[in-house]
């Protein structure tokens, strides 16, 4: 299952995003997010994604597809060794 995020994501959408992520998290397997149409994500959203990835367990991961250079850099700076979190640019 792959969720797609578009537009801007900040603290005001963290609750809705957590609810949307509950479905693929509960389904098992890796969680994939298509971020190609995401124009902005603040640190609260990125923190929530990292925390969700950490809670997936050792055999699962969250893959952020199409992450912007800014989001990639934020993850690198704040969560460089986060288990279960993979960020791609394409």
Protein backbone atom coordinates (compact mmCIF):
# COMPACT_ATOMS: atom_id res chain seq x y z
CA UNK A 1 0.00 0.00 0.00
CA UNK A 2 1.28 3.45 -0.87
CA UNK A 3 -0.10 6.72 0.48
CA UNK A 4 0.39 9.92 -1.48
CA UNK A 5 0.96 13.28 0.19
CA UNK A 6 0.47 16.48 -1.78
CA UNK A 7 0.68 20.16 -1.03
CA UNK A 8 1.93 21.33 2.35
CA UNK A 9 2.14 19.36 5.59
CA UNK A 10 2.69 20.93 8.97
CA UNK A 11 1.67 20.41 12.60
CA UNK A 12 -1.99 20.99 11.73
CA UNK A 13 -2.13 17.80 9.61
CA UNK A 14 -0.16 15.47 11.92
CA UNK A 15 -3.32 14.00 13.44
CA UNK A 16 -4.92 13.28 10.06
CA UNK A 17 -1.68 11.88 8.70
CA UNK A 18 -1.28 9.59 11.73
CA UNK A 19 -4.83 8.31 11.17
CA UNK A 20 -4.13 7.68 7.49
CA UNK A 21 -0.88 5.87 8.33
CA UNK A 22 -2.66 3.60 10.82
CA UNK A 23 -4.11 1.53 7.96
CA UNK A 24 -0.84 0.53 6.23
CA UNK A 25 0.93 0.21 9.59
CA UNK A 26 -1.70 -2.25 10.80
CA UNK A 27 -1.68 -4.14 7.48
CA UNK A 28 1.90 -5.28 7.93
CA UNK A 29 4.75 -5.11 5.47
CA UNK A 30 6.62 -1.99 4.50
CA UNK A 31 4.87 1.38 4.45
CA UNK A 32 5.39 3.45 1.29
CA UNK A 33 4.70 7.18 0.99
CA UNK A 34 4.75 9.01 -2.35
CA UNK A 35 5.98 12.51 -1.56
CA UNK A 36 6.62 13.71 -5.13
CA UNK A 37 3.75 16.22 -4.92
CA UNK A 38 4.58 17.37 -1.39
CA UNK A 39 5.80 20.96 -1.61
CA UNK A 40 6.52 21.50 2.11
CA UNK A 41 6.80 19.39 5.27
CA UNK A 42 7.82 20.87 8.59
CA UNK A 43 9.82 19.18 11.31
CA UNK A 44 6.70 18.06 13.23
CA UNK A 45 5.54 16.00 10.25
CA UNK A 46 9.01 14.61 9.67
CA UNK A 47 9.33 13.72 13.38
CA UNK A 48 5.98 11.92 13.28
CA UNK A 49 7.10 9.92 10.22
CA UNK A 50 10.39 9.00 11.91
CA UNK A 51 8.58 7.93 15.09
CA UNK A 52 6.11 5.85 13.09
CA UNK A 53 8.99 4.20 11.23
CA UNK A 54 10.73 3.43 14.54
CA UNK A 55 7.58 1.69 15.78
CA UNK A 56 7.27 -0.62 12.78
CA UNK A 57 9.64 -3.23 14.15
CA UNK A 58 12.92 -4.67 12.94
CA UNK A 59 11.65 -6.39 9.78
CA UNK A 60 9.65 -3.46 8.40
CA UNK A 61 10.45 -0.03 7.05
CA UNK A 62 8.83 3.17 5.92
CA UNK A 63 9.99 4.30 2.50
CA UNK A 64 9.58 7.96 1.57
CA UNK A 65 9.55 8.06 -2.25
CA UNK A 66 10.18 11.26 -4.18
CA UNK A 67 11.30 13.25 -1.15
CA UNK A 68 12.42 16.79 -1.90
CA UNK A 69 16.07 17.72 -1.29
CA UNK A 70 14.96 19.76 1.74
CA UNK A 71 13.11 16.85 3.30
CA UNK A 72 16.01 14.51 2.58
CA UNK A 73 18.37 16.94 4.30
CA UNK A 74 16.07 17.32 7.31
CA UNK A 75 15.93 13.55 7.78
CA UNK A 76 19.73 13.34 7.38
CA UNK A 77 20.32 16.05 9.98
CA UNK A 78 17.74 15.06 12.59
CA UNK A 79 17.37 11.30 12.15
CA UNK A 80 20.56 10.12 10.42
CA UNK A 81 20.50 6.59 11.83
CA UNK A 82 16.75 6.12 12.20
CA UNK A 83 16.02 2.41 11.87
CA UNK A 84 13.19 1.57 9.52
CA UNK A 85 13.24 4.90 7.64
CA UNK A 86 14.40 5.02 4.03
CA UNK A 87 14.31 8.19 1.94
CA UNK A 88 14.56 8.25 -1.84
CA UNK A 89 14.51 11.11 -4.30
CA UNK A 90 12.86 9.26 -7.13
